[in-house]
C-alpha atoms as a PDB file:
ATOM      1  CA  UNK A   1     124.422 149.165  60.811  1.00  0.00           C
ATOM      2  CA  UNK A   2     121.295 149.598  62.703  1.00  0.00           C
ATOM      3  CA  UNK A   3     118.457 151.399  60.182  1.00  0.00           C
ATOM      4  CA  UNK A   4     115.771 153.834  61.204  1.00  0.00           C
ATOM      5  CA  UNK A   5     113.340 150.975  62.141  1.00  0.00           C
ATOM      6  CA  UNK A   6     115.692 149.007  64.322  1.00  0.00           C
ATOM      7  CA  UNK A   7     116.656 152.037  66.019  1.00  0.00           C
ATOM      8  CA  UNK A   8     112.565 152.732  67.111  1.00  0.00           C
ATOM      9  CA  UNK A   9     112.501 149.069  68.025  1.00  0.00           C
ATOM     10  CA  UNK A  10     115.483 149.386  70.126  1.00  0.00           C
ATOM     11  CA  UNK A  11     114.423 152.695  72.133  1.00  0.00           C
ATOM     12  CA  UNK A  12     111.190 150.873  72.249  1.00  0.00           C
ATOM     13  CA  UNK A  13     112.265 147.996  73.810  1.00  0.00           C
ATOM     14  CA  UNK A  14     113.699 150.024  76.705  1.00  0.00           C
ATOM     15  CA  UNK A  15     110.123 149.940  77.869  1.00  0.00           C
ATOM     16  CA  UNK A  16     110.659 146.120  78.492  1.00  0.00           C
ATOM     17  CA  UNK A  17     111.006 145.232  82.012  1.00  0.00           C
ATOM     18  CA  UNK A  18     114.512 145.635  83.126  1.00  0.00           C
ATOM     19  CA  UNK A  19     114.035 143.432  86.107  1.00  0.00           C
ATOM     20  CA  UNK A  20     112.823 140.416  83.469  1.00  0.00           C
ATOM     21  CA  UNK A  21     116.102 140.850  81.511  1.00  0.00           C
ATOM     22  CA  UNK A  22     118.302 141.348  84.196  1.00  0.00           C
ATOM     23  CA  UNK A  23     116.986 138.041  85.877  1.00  0.00           C
ATOM     24  CA  UNK A  24     116.886 135.612  82.291  1.00  0.00           C
ATOM     25  CA  UNK A  25     120.453 137.356  81.085  1.00  0.00           C
ATOM     26  CA  UNK A  26     119.062 136.340  77.938  1.00  0.00           C
ATOM     27  CA  UNK A  27     120.070 135.878  75.032  1.00  0.00           C
ATOM     28  CA  UNK A  28     123.836 135.643  75.386  1.00  0.00           C
ATOM     29  CA  UNK A  29     123.825 133.496  72.452  1.00  0.00           C
ATOM     30  CA  UNK A  30     121.948 132.741  68.808  1.00  0.00           C
ATOM     31  CA  UNK A  31     118.437 131.175  69.468  1.00  0.00           C
ATOM     32  CA  UNK A  32     117.236 128.278  67.505  1.00  0.00           C
ATOM     33  CA  UNK A  33     113.650 128.565  65.887  1.00  0.00           C
ATOM     34  CA  UNK A  34     112.641 125.214  64.843  1.00  0.00           C
ATOM     35  CA  UNK A  35     109.875 125.071  61.778  1.00  0.00           C
ATOM     36  CA  UNK A  36     108.022 122.028  61.600  1.00  0.00           C
ATOM     37  CA  UNK A  37     107.321 121.979  57.807  1.00  0.00           C
ATOM     38  CA  UNK A  38     109.878 122.057  54.828  1.00  0.00           C
ATOM     39  CA  UNK A  39     111.459 125.343  53.305  1.00  0.00           C
ATOM     40  CA  UNK A  40     109.495 127.243  51.053  1.00  0.00           C
ATOM     41  CA  UNK A  41     105.941 126.934  52.910  1.00  0.00           C
ATOM     42  CA  UNK A  42     103.805 129.108  55.094  1.00  0.00           C
ATOM     43  CA  UNK A  43     105.599 128.641  58.199  1.00  0.00           C
ATOM     44  CA  UNK A  44     109.229 129.552  56.689  1.00  0.00           C
ATOM     45  CA  UNK A  45     107.712 132.579  55.566  1.00  0.00           C
ATOM     46  CA  UNK A  46     106.399 133.744  58.929  1.00  0.00           C
ATOM     47  CA  UNK A  47     109.355 132.266  60.431  1.00  0.00           C
ATOM     48  CA  UNK A  48     111.775 134.485  58.511  1.00  0.00           C
ATOM     49  CA  UNK A  49     109.958 137.302  58.889  1.00  0.00           C
ATOM     50  CA  UNK A  50     109.873 137.467  62.479  1.00  0.00           C
ATOM     51  CA  UNK A  51     113.410 136.468  63.243  1.00  0.00           C
ATOM     52  CA  UNK A  52     114.118 139.600  60.522  1.00  0.00           C
ATOM     53  CA  UNK A  53     112.151 141.905  62.370  1.00  0.00           C
ATOM     54  CA  UNK A  54     113.342 141.097  66.162  1.00  0.00           C
ATOM     55  CA  UNK A  55     117.079 140.191  65.160  1.00  0.00           C
ATOM     56  CA  UNK A  56     117.615 144.071  66.484  1.00  0.00           C
ATOM     57  CA  UNK A  57     116.699 143.275  70.081  1.00  0.00           C
ATOM     58  CA  UNK A  58     117.188 139.303  70.125  1.00  0.00           C
ATOM     59  CA  UNK A  59     120.193 139.359  68.023  1.00  0.00           C
ATOM     60  CA  UNK A  60     121.008 136.331  65.606  1.00  0.00           C
ATOM     61  CA  UNK A  61     118.297 133.976  65.412  1.00  0.00           C
ATOM     62  CA  UNK A  62     118.597 130.572  62.919  1.00  0.00           C
ATOM     63  CA  UNK A  63     116.053 128.914  61.781  1.00  0.00           C
ATOM     64  CA  UNK A  64     115.959 125.062  61.451  1.00  0.00           C
ATOM     65  CA  UNK A  65     113.354 122.834  59.221  1.00  0.00           C
ATOM     66  CA  UNK A  66     112.364 119.701  60.705  1.00  0.00           C
ATOM     67  CA  UNK A  67     109.300 118.634  58.175  1.00  0.00           C
ATOM     68  CA  UNK A  68     107.669 115.177  58.861  1.00  0.00           C
ATOM     69  CA  UNK A  69     104.184 113.741  60.374  1.00  0.00           C
ATOM     70  CA  UNK A  70     102.605 117.187  60.212  1.00  0.00           C
ATOM     71  CA  UNK A  71     105.174 118.900  62.676  1.00  0.00           C
ATOM     72  CA  UNK A  72     105.078 115.988  65.598  1.00  0.00           C
ATOM     73  CA  UNK A  73     108.587 115.141  64.813  1.00  0.00           C
ATOM     74  CA  UNK A  74     109.925 118.760  65.409  1.00  0.00           C
ATOM     75  CA  UNK A  75     107.442 119.826  68.095  1.00  0.00           C
ATOM     76  CA  UNK A  76     108.295 116.658  69.607  1.00  0.00           C
ATOM     77  CA  UNK A  77     112.141 117.424  69.634  1.00  0.00           C
ATOM     78  CA  UNK A  78     111.041 120.909  71.067  1.00  0.00           C
ATOM     79  CA  UNK A  79     109.344 119.677  73.737  1.00  0.00           C
ATOM     80  CA  UNK A  80     112.274 117.743  74.916  1.00  0.00           C
ATOM     81  CA  UNK A  81     114.649 120.401  74.660  1.00  0.00           C
ATOM     82  CA  UNK A  82     116.272 122.316  77.312  1.00  0.00           C
ATOM     83  CA  UNK A  83     113.827 125.001  78.696  1.00  0.00           C
ATOM     84  CA  UNK A  84     116.544 127.591  78.327  1.00  0.00           C
ATOM     85  CA  UNK A  85     115.261 129.975  75.898  1.00  0.00           C
ATOM     86  CA  UNK A  86     117.476 128.643  72.926  1.00  0.00           C
ATOM     87  CA  UNK A  87     115.212 126.437  71.659  1.00  0.00           C
ATOM     88  CA  UNK A  88     111.797 127.752  70.291  1.00  0.00           C
ATOM     89  CA  UNK A  89     109.155 126.336  68.205  1.00  0.00           C
ATOM     90  CA  UNK A  90     107.186 127.971  65.335  1.00  0.00           C
ATOM     91  CA  UNK A  91     104.095 126.428  66.200  1.00  0.00           C
ATOM     92  CA  UNK A  92     100.203 126.037  64.717  1.00  0.00           C
ATOM     93  CA  UNK A  93      97.423 124.446  65.248  1.00  0.00           C
ATOM     94  CA  UNK A  94      99.134 121.375  63.155  1.00  0.00           C
ATOM     95  CA  UNK A  95     101.387 120.511  66.064  1.00  0.00           C
ATOM     96  CA  UNK A  96      98.580 121.206  68.702  1.00  0.00           C
ATOM     97  CA  UNK A  97      95.743 119.051  66.828  1.00  0.00           C
ATOM     98  CA  UNK A  98      98.115 116.201  65.862  1.00  0.00           C
ATOM     99  CA  UNK A  99      99.248 115.218  69.278  1.00  0.00           C
ATOM    100  CA  UNK A 100      95.616 114.921  70.102  1.00  0.00           C
ATOM    101  CA  UNK A 101      95.149 112.395  67.387  1.00  0.00           C
ATOM    102  CA  UNK A 102      98.057 110.465  68.555  1.00  0.00           C
ATOM    103  CA  UNK A 103      97.226 106.973  69.572  1.00  0.00           C
ATOM    104  CA  UNK A 104     100.628 107.115  71.782  1.00  0.00           C
ATOM    105  CA  UNK A 105     101.469 111.380  71.225  1.00  0.00           C
ATOM    106  CA  UNK A 106     105.417 111.932  72.257  1.00  0.00           C
ATOM    107  CA  UNK A 107     104.170 115.192  73.948  1.00  0.00           C
ATOM    108  CA  UNK A 108     101.249 116.870  75.381  1.00  0.00           C
ATOM    109  CA  UNK A 109     100.303 119.835  73.499  1.00  0.00           C
ATOM    110  CA  UNK A 110      98.860 121.843  76.867  1.00  0.00           C
ATOM    111  CA  UNK A 111     101.333 121.048  80.011  1.00  0.00           C
ATOM    112  CA  UNK A 112     104.755 120.292  77.447  1.00  0.00           C
ATOM    113  CA  UNK A 113     104.958 123.796  76.226  1.00  0.00           C
ATOM    114  CA  UNK A 114     105.045 127.302  77.298  1.00  0.00           C
ATOM    115  CA  UNK A 115     102.769 129.853  74.542  1.00  0.00           C
ATOM    116  CA  UNK A 116     104.695 132.965  74.014  1.00  0.00           C
ATOM    117  CA  UNK A 117     103.162 134.806  71.270  1.00  0.00           C
ATOM    118  CA  UNK A 118     100.760 134.467  68.249  1.00  0.00           C
ATOM    119  CA  UNK A 119     102.617 136.116  65.636  1.00  0.00           C
ATOM    120  CA  UNK A 120     100.007 135.664  62.699  1.00  0.00           C
ATOM    121  CA  UNK A 121      96.395 134.191  61.650  1.00  0.00           C
ATOM    122  CA  UNK A 122      95.862 132.959  58.137  1.00  0.00           C
ATOM    123  CA  UNK A 123      93.088 131.646  56.089  1.00  0.00           C
ATOM    124  CA  UNK A 124      93.745 128.726  54.149  1.00  0.00           C
ATOM    125  CA  UNK A 125      92.006 128.517  50.579  1.00  0.00           C
ATOM    126  CA  UNK A 126      90.781 126.105  47.937  1.00  0.00           C
ATOM    127  CA  UNK A 127      93.378 125.998  45.238  1.00  0.00           C
ATOM    128  CA  UNK A 128      93.022 123.956  41.875  1.00  0.00           C
ATOM    129  CA  UNK A 129      95.373 123.187  39.074  1.00  0.00           C
ATOM    130  CA  UNK A 130      94.381 125.324  36.031  1.00  0.00           C
ATOM    131  CA  UNK A 131      93.577 122.196  33.915  1.00  0.00           C
ATOM    132  CA  UNK A 132      91.046 121.687  36.380  1.00  0.00           C
ATOM    133  CA  UNK A 133      87.224 122.543  34.543  1.00  0.00           C
ATOM    134  CA  UNK A 134      86.334 124.736  37.314  1.00  0.00           C
ATOM    135  CA  UNK A 135      85.896 128.308  38.282  1.00  0.00           C
ATOM    136  CA  UNK A 136      83.615 127.944  41.123  1.00  0.00           C
ATOM    137  CA  UNK A 137      83.268 125.735  44.343  1.00  0.00           C
ATOM    138  CA  UNK A 138      80.120 124.525  42.706  1.00  0.00           C
ATOM    139  CA  UNK A 139      81.722 123.351  39.197  1.00  0.00           C
ATOM    140  CA  UNK A 140      84.407 121.961  41.488  1.00  0.00           C
ATOM    141  CA  UNK A 141      81.997 119.819  43.587  1.00  0.00           C
ATOM    142  CA  UNK A 142      79.548 118.973  40.191  1.00  0.00           C
ATOM    143  CA  UNK A 143      83.253 117.857  38.347  1.00  0.00           C
ATOM    144  CA  UNK A 144      84.357 115.967  41.485  1.00  0.00           C
ATOM    145  CA  UNK A 145      81.193 113.925  41.563  1.00  0.00           C
ATOM    146  CA  UNK A 146      80.935 113.075  37.883  1.00  0.00           C
ATOM    147  CA  UNK A 147      84.057 111.966  37.803  1.00  0.00           C
ATOM    148  CA  UNK A 148      84.680 109.648  41.093  1.00  0.00           C
ATOM    149  CA  UNK A 149      88.235 109.278  41.799  1.00  0.00           C
ATOM    150  CA  UNK A 150      90.032 111.591  39.389  1.00  0.00           C
ATOM    151  CA  UNK A 151      91.012 114.041  41.680  1.00  0.00           C
ATOM    152  CA  UNK A 152      93.474 114.298  44.421  1.00  0.00           C
ATOM    153  CA  UNK A 153      94.104 116.634  46.488  1.00  0.00           C
ATOM    154  CA  UNK A 154      97.839 117.682  48.537  1.00  0.00           C
ATOM    155  CA  UNK A 155      98.371 118.509  52.345  1.00  0.00           C
ATOM    156  CA  UNK A 156     100.954 119.542  54.495  1.00  0.00           C
ATOM    157  CA  UNK A 157     100.857 116.047  56.037  1.00  0.00           C
ATOM    158  CA  UNK A 158      98.358 113.639  57.863  1.00  0.00           C
ATOM    159  CA  UNK A 159      96.766 115.816  60.614  1.00  0.00           C
ATOM    160  CA  UNK A 160      98.036 119.017  59.465  1.00  0.00           C
ATOM    161  CA  UNK A 161      95.290 122.245  59.059  1.00  0.00           C
ATOM    162  CA  UNK A 162      95.400 121.669  55.240  1.00  0.00           C
ATOM    163  CA  UNK A 163      94.300 117.779  55.311  1.00  0.00           C
ATOM    164  CA  UNK A 164      91.451 118.657  57.835  1.00  0.00           C
ATOM    165  CA  UNK A 165      90.473 121.501  55.578  1.00  0.00           C
ATOM    166  CA  UNK A 166      90.709 118.958  52.807  1.00  0.00           C
ATOM    167  CA  UNK A 167      88.623 116.360  54.698  1.00  0.00           C
ATOM    168  CA  UNK A 168      86.336 119.005  56.011  1.00  0.00           C
ATOM    169  CA  UNK A 169      85.404 120.481  52.116  1.00  0.00           C
ATOM    170  CA  UNK A 170      84.522 116.681  51.116  1.00  0.00           C
ATOM    171  CA  UNK A 171      82.442 116.240  54.234  1.00  0.00           C
ATOM    172  CA  UNK A 172      80.133 119.101  53.313  1.00  0.00           C
ATOM    173  CA  UNK A 173      80.178 118.373  49.465  1.00  0.00           C
ATOM    174  CA  UNK A 174      79.998 114.670  49.620  1.00  0.00           C
ATOM    175  CA  UNK A 175      83.054 114.735  47.367  1.00  0.00           C
ATOM    176  CA  UNK A 176      84.556 111.401  49.325  1.00  0.00           C
ATOM    177  CA  UNK A 177      86.063 109.998  46.036  1.00  0.00           C
ATOM    178  CA  UNK A 178      88.750 113.021  46.188  1.00  0.00           C
ATOM    179  CA  UNK A 179      92.066 111.100  47.460  1.00  0.00           C
ATOM    180  CA  UNK A 180      94.097 112.922  49.641  1.00  0.00           C
ATOM    181  CA  UNK A 181      97.875 112.887  49.223  1.00  0.00           C
ATOM    182  CA  UNK A 182      99.700 113.731  52.352  1.00  0.00           C
ATOM    183  CA  UNK A 183     103.421 116.038  51.708  1.00  0.00           C
ATOM    184  CA  UNK A 184     106.101 116.960  54.483  1.00  0.00           C
ATOM    185  CA  UNK A 185     104.960 120.542  54.159  1.00  0.00           C
ATOM    186  CA  UNK A 186     103.073 122.785  52.122  1.00  0.00           C
ATOM    187  CA  UNK A 187     106.045 123.726  49.545  1.00  0.00           C
ATOM    188  CA  UNK A 188     106.275 120.448  47.825  1.00  0.00           C
ATOM    189  CA  UNK A 189     102.411 119.853  47.792  1.00  0.00           C
ATOM    190  CA  UNK A 190     102.278 122.838  45.776  1.00  0.00           C
ATOM    191  CA  UNK A 191     104.832 122.315  43.595  1.00  0.00           C
ATOM    192  CA  UNK A 192     103.228 119.130  42.755  1.00  0.00           C
ATOM    193  CA  UNK A 193      99.661 121.224  42.356  1.00  0.00           C
ATOM    194  CA  UNK A 194     101.617 123.202  39.959  1.00  0.00           C
ATOM    195  CA  UNK A 195     103.160 120.524  37.765  1.00  0.00           C
ATOM    196  CA  UNK A 196      99.803 119.056  37.444  1.00  0.00           C
ATOM    197  CA  UNK A 197     100.729 116.051  39.957  1.00  0.00           C
ATOM    198  CA  UNK A 198      98.008 116.263  41.896  1.00  0.00           C
ATOM    199  CA  UNK A 199      94.373 118.236  41.349  1.00  0.00           C
ATOM    200  CA  UNK A 200      94.199 120.610  44.441  1.00  0.00           C
ATOM    201  CA  UNK A 201      95.749 121.782  47.715  1.00  0.00           C
ATOM    202  CA  UNK A 202      93.712 123.752  50.576  1.00  0.00           C
ATOM    203  CA  UNK A 203      97.016 125.691  51.577  1.00  0.00           C
ATOM    204  CA  UNK A 204      97.384 128.802  53.832  1.00  0.00           C
ATOM    205  CA  UNK A 205      97.129 132.290  51.442  1.00  0.00           C
ATOM    206  CA  UNK A 206     100.461 133.529  51.372  1.00  0.00           C
ATOM    207  CA  UNK A 207     101.885 136.219  49.044  1.00  0.00           C
ATOM    208  CA  UNK A 208     103.788 133.547  47.141  1.00  0.00           C
ATOM    209  CA  UNK A 209     100.525 131.570  46.442  1.00  0.00           C
ATOM    210  CA  UNK A 210      98.439 134.849  45.252  1.00  0.00           C
ATOM    211  CA  UNK A 211     101.419 135.519  42.915  1.00  0.00           C
ATOM    212  CA  UNK A 212     100.906 131.773  41.494  1.00  0.00           C
ATOM    213  CA  UNK A 213      97.001 132.526  41.323  1.00  0.00           C
ATOM    214  CA  UNK A 214      97.556 135.864  39.672  1.00  0.00           C
ATOM    215  CA  UNK A 215      99.647 134.531  37.344  1.00  0.00           C
ATOM    216  CA  UNK A 216      97.886 131.470  36.280  1.00  0.00           C
ATOM    217  CA  UNK A 217      99.940 128.698  37.915  1.00  0.00           C
ATOM    218  CA  UNK A 218      97.366 127.847  40.241  1.00  0.00           C
ATOM    219  CA  UNK A 219      93.401 128.985  40.622  1.00  0.00           C
ATOM    220  CA  UNK A 220      92.202 129.719  43.715  1.00  0.00           C
ATOM    221  CA  UNK A 221      88.360 129.485  43.752  1.00  0.00           C
ATOM    222  CA  UNK A 222      87.249 130.501  47.363  1.00  0.00           C
ATOM    223  CA  UNK A 223      89.057 132.044  50.297  1.00  0.00           C
ATOM    224  CA  UNK A 224      87.718 129.394  53.560  1.00  0.00           C
ATOM    225  CA  UNK A 225      87.530 132.934  56.058  1.00  0.00           C
ATOM    226  CA  UNK A 226      84.450 134.685  57.426  1.00  0.00           C
ATOM    227  CA  UNK A 227      85.032 137.791  54.699  1.00  0.00           C
ATOM    228  CA  UNK A 228      87.813 138.959  51.665  1.00  0.00           C
ATOM    229  CA  UNK A 229      91.102 139.196  52.467  1.00  0.00           C
ATOM    230  CA  UNK A 230      92.829 142.492  52.865  1.00  0.00           C
ATOM    231  CA  UNK A 231      95.646 141.235  50.390  1.00  0.00           C
ATOM    232  CA  UNK A 232      93.206 139.603  47.840  1.00  0.00           C
ATOM    233  CA  UNK A 233      89.654 141.266  47.729  1.00  0.00           C
ATOM    234  CA  UNK A 234      89.052 139.938  44.344  1.00  0.00           C
ATOM    235  CA  UNK A 235      88.783 136.519  45.680  1.00  0.00           C
ATOM    236  CA  UNK A 236      85.463 135.159  47.097  1.00  0.00           C
ATOM    237  CA  UNK A 237      84.888 133.428  50.448  1.00  0.00           C
ATOM    238  CA  UNK A 238      83.230 129.891  50.940  1.00  0.00           C
ATOM    239  CA  UNK A 239      80.738 131.579  52.306  1.00  0.00           C
ATOM    240  CA  UNK A 240      79.618 133.474  49.565  1.00  0.00           C
ATOM    241  CA  UNK A 241      80.261 130.570  47.460  1.00  0.00           C
ATOM    242  CA  UNK A 242      77.370 128.457  49.169  1.00  0.00           C
ATOM    243  CA  UNK A 243      79.634 126.620  51.603  1.00  0.00           C
ATOM    244  CA  UNK A 244      79.059 128.513  55.128  1.00  0.00           C
ATOM    245  CA  UNK A 245      80.505 126.027  57.038  1.00  0.00           C
ATOM    246  CA  UNK A 246      84.064 125.957  54.908  1.00  0.00           C
ATOM    247  CA  UNK A 247      85.825 128.082  57.332  1.00  0.00           C
ATOM    248  CA  UNK A 248      89.594 127.109  57.821  1.00  0.00           C
ATOM    249  CA  UNK A 249      91.886 129.500  59.848  1.00  0.00           C
ATOM    250  CA  UNK A 250      95.205 128.831  61.392  1.00  0.00           C
ATOM    251  CA  UNK A 251      97.846 130.491  63.610  1.00  0.00           C
ATOM    252  CA  UNK A 252     101.450 130.766  64.015  1.00  0.00           C
ATOM    253  CA  UNK A 253     102.891 131.393  67.060  1.00  0.00           C
ATOM    254  CA  UNK A 254     106.403 130.648  69.222  1.00  0.00           C
ATOM    255  CA  UNK A 255     106.484 128.099  71.622  1.00  0.00           C
ATOM    256  CA  UNK A 256     108.977 127.142  74.538  1.00  0.00           C
ATOM    257  CA  UNK A 257     109.565 123.779  76.162  1.00  0.00           C
ATOM    258  CA  UNK A 258     107.315 123.978  79.594  1.00  0.00           C
ATOM    259  CA  UNK A 259     109.586 125.355  82.405  1.00  0.00           C
ATOM    260  CA  UNK A 260     111.182 127.828  80.467  1.00  0.00           C
ATOM    261  CA  UNK A 261     111.736 130.831  83.189  1.00  0.00           C
ATOM    262  CA  UNK A 262     108.517 133.341  83.001  1.00  0.00           C
ATOM    263  CA  UNK A 263     110.928 136.125  82.492  1.00  0.00           C
ATOM    264  CA  UNK A 264     112.530 134.846  79.583  1.00  0.00           C
ATOM    265  CA  UNK A 265     108.933 134.272  78.349  1.00  0.00           C
ATOM    266  CA  UNK A 266     107.778 137.624  78.953  1.00  0.00           C
ATOM    267  CA  UNK A 267     111.058 139.022  77.082  1.00  0.00           C
ATOM    268  CA  UNK A 268     110.408 137.133  74.454  1.00  0.00           C
ATOM    269  CA  UNK A 269     106.407 138.150  74.296  1.00  0.00           C
ATOM    270  CA  UNK A 270     107.472 141.878  74.725  1.00  0.00           C
ATOM    271  CA  UNK A 271     110.196 141.959  72.018  1.00  0.00           C
ATOM    272  CA  UNK A 272     107.367 140.388  69.400  1.00  0.00           C
ATOM    273  CA  UNK A 273     104.574 142.780  70.535  1.00  0.00           C
ATOM    274  CA  UNK A 274     107.120 145.992  69.727  1.00  0.00           C
ATOM    275  CA  UNK A 275     108.108 144.041  66.517  1.00  0.00           C
ATOM    276  CA  UNK A 276     104.751 143.337  64.930  1.00  0.00           C
ATOM    277  CA  UNK A 277     103.384 146.783  66.392  1.00  0.00           C
ATOM    278  CA  UNK A 278     105.681 148.383  63.725  1.00  0.00           C
ATOM    279  CA  UNK A 279     103.871 149.833  60.662  1.00  0.00           C
ATOM    280  CA  UNK A 280     106.243 148.474  58.262  1.00  0.00           C
ATOM    281  CA  UNK A 281     106.259 144.698  59.156  1.00  0.00           C
ATOM    282  CA  UNK A 282     102.630 144.505  59.845  1.00  0.00           C
ATOM    283  CA  UNK A 283     102.681 145.625  55.548  1.00  0.00           C
ATOM    284  CA  UNK A 284     104.653 143.266  54.757  1.00  0.00           C
ATOM    285  CA  UNK A 285     102.647 140.544  56.828  1.00  0.00           C
ATOM    286  CA  UNK A 286      99.563 141.788  55.221  1.00  0.00           C
ATOM    287  CA  UNK A 287     100.832 141.784  51.597  1.00  0.00           C
ATOM    288  CA  UNK A 288     101.697 137.990  51.989  1.00  0.00           C
ATOM    289  CA  UNK A 289      98.260 137.375  53.024  1.00  0.00           C
ATOM    290  CA  UNK A 290      98.937 137.007  56.834  1.00  0.00           C
ATOM    291  CA  UNK A 291      96.546 138.678  59.743  1.00  0.00           C
ATOM    292  CA  UNK A 292      99.025 140.126  62.591  1.00  0.00           C
ATOM    293  CA  UNK A 293      97.722 138.956  65.691  1.00  0.00           C
ATOM    294  CA  UNK A 294      96.264 141.680  67.944  1.00  0.00           C
ATOM    295  CA  UNK A 295      97.269 140.260  71.294  1.00  0.00           C
ATOM    296  CA  UNK A 296     100.807 138.652  71.429  1.00  0.00           C
ATOM    297  CA  UNK A 297     100.492 138.055  74.993  1.00  0.00           C
ATOM    298  CA  UNK A 298     101.212 134.052  76.602  1.00  0.00           C
ATOM    299  CA  UNK A 299      97.840 134.277  77.751  1.00  0.00           C
ATOM    300  CA  UNK A 300      96.220 134.988  74.922  1.00  0.00           C
ATOM    301  CA  UNK A 301      98.126 132.248  73.003  1.00  0.00           C
ATOM    302  CA  UNK A 302      96.945 130.047  75.658  1.00  0.00           C
ATOM    303  CA  UNK A 303      93.074 130.930  74.651  1.00  0.00           C
ATOM    304  CA  UNK A 304      93.663 130.601  70.764  1.00  0.00           C
ATOM    305  CA  UNK A 305      95.429 126.485  71.552  1.00  0.00           C
ATOM    306  CA  UNK A 306      92.496 126.222  73.224  1.00  0.00           C
ATOM    307  CA  UNK A 307      90.162 127.281  71.270  1.00  0.00           C
ATOM    308  CA  UNK A 308      91.671 125.701  67.999  1.00  0.00           C
ATOM    309  CA  UNK A 309      91.704 122.023  69.512  1.00  0.00           C
ATOM    310  CA  UNK A 310      87.813 122.632  70.117  1.00  0.00           C
ATOM    311  CA  UNK A 311      87.087 124.077  66.745  1.00  0.00           C
ATOM    312  CA  UNK A 312      88.694 121.023  65.027  1.00  0.00           C
ATOM    313  CA  UNK A 313      88.260 118.061  67.199  1.00  0.00           C
ATOM    314  CA  UNK A 314      84.569 117.232  65.568  1.00  0.00           C
ATOM    315  CA  UNK A 315      86.198 116.662  62.283  1.00  0.00           C
ATOM    316  CA  UNK A 316      88.921 114.759  63.311  1.00  0.00           C
ATOM    317  CA  UNK A 317      86.334 112.371  65.120  1.00  0.00           C
ATOM    318  CA  UNK A 318      84.224 112.710  61.915  1.00  0.00           C
ATOM    319  CA  UNK A 319      87.175 111.176  59.848  1.00  0.00           C
ATOM    320  CA  UNK A 320      88.352 108.743  62.642  1.00  0.00           C
ATOM    321  CA  UNK A 321      91.610 110.430  62.258  1.00  0.00           C
ATOM    322  CA  UNK A 322      94.641 108.829  64.225  1.00  0.00           C
ATOM    323  CA  UNK A 323      98.411 108.843  63.515  1.00  0.00           C
ATOM    324  CA  UNK A 324     101.900 109.044  65.223  1.00  0.00           C
ATOM    325  CA  UNK A 325     105.273 109.080  64.576  1.00  0.00           C
ATOM    326  CA  UNK A 326     105.174 106.145  61.912  1.00  0.00           C
ATOM    327  CA  UNK A 327     102.434 108.469  59.526  1.00  0.00           C
ATOM    328  CA  UNK A 328     105.837 110.426  58.666  1.00  0.00           C
ATOM    329  CA  UNK A 329     106.497 107.254  56.214  1.00  0.00           C
ATOM    330  CA  UNK A 330     103.253 107.833  53.998  1.00  0.00           C
ATOM    331  CA  UNK A 331     104.342 111.271  53.506  1.00  0.00           C
ATOM    332  CA  UNK A 332     106.197 112.354  49.978  1.00  0.00           C
ATOM    333  CA  UNK A 333     108.807 114.757  49.985  1.00  0.00           C
END
């Protein structure tokens, strides 16, 4: 049954170019959305919300999680997929940056993908296990320096934005003894943070992470964003706590294999724009800690990819990061 919101979306969909729809004859079967991380992470949450929001316009969308190598494996699979619009990637800066750092990259982040739409931008944060005796970034830095080698931080994988954020924190604070523990996604890293297997994680801020913070399972010391988040105005920023250079944000968007028909790209982009304009969907994303991206055009997606690569390349060079497909073997599940 189509509810009121779906009826409104279907009405708005009539504004989409009929020529593009007729030319593409799309979709005629279910779409596969590949999520390059393990289930229960931030990418999984965004992918499921997008699939739910667009099902009335695009039909069934199946989510497939392919974790490992910070998304390199999944992105490579999508890059090689048939460019017919039925295999899409929920990509982020991680997949683009990992390819830049790989000694033998399995794909080119610019040439091998057709950007469709940016869905959300999310801020990362510095979260610690409650056993860590720190309630501010200064206290965390002081504790790390007084106890060299005692702290460890988990990431969504080598080359992921959470890994780069952790290394940026170490570079800015001189806490080089904090040990990096890579996982095959943010979900497993956060599970080990809650259980006390690792000391800290710089995860993307999601509704679940905020719930864990408010229930005392983890402690968020600061959000790595220019301003406080609408969903969590009580948590200070890294700038407020004396680390103005500690800005770590990421995006998530839709990408198709290069060569996908332009009409299909435009149709998915238009449907996404309609869906994200719905107030109910926007409120759900904001409540989950995400910021819906205002411009969901393919051109805007391309610009954001280029800007993200330029922003993180200096950090990559500073830590001498080099990786490839074999890096997946060193990640924890």
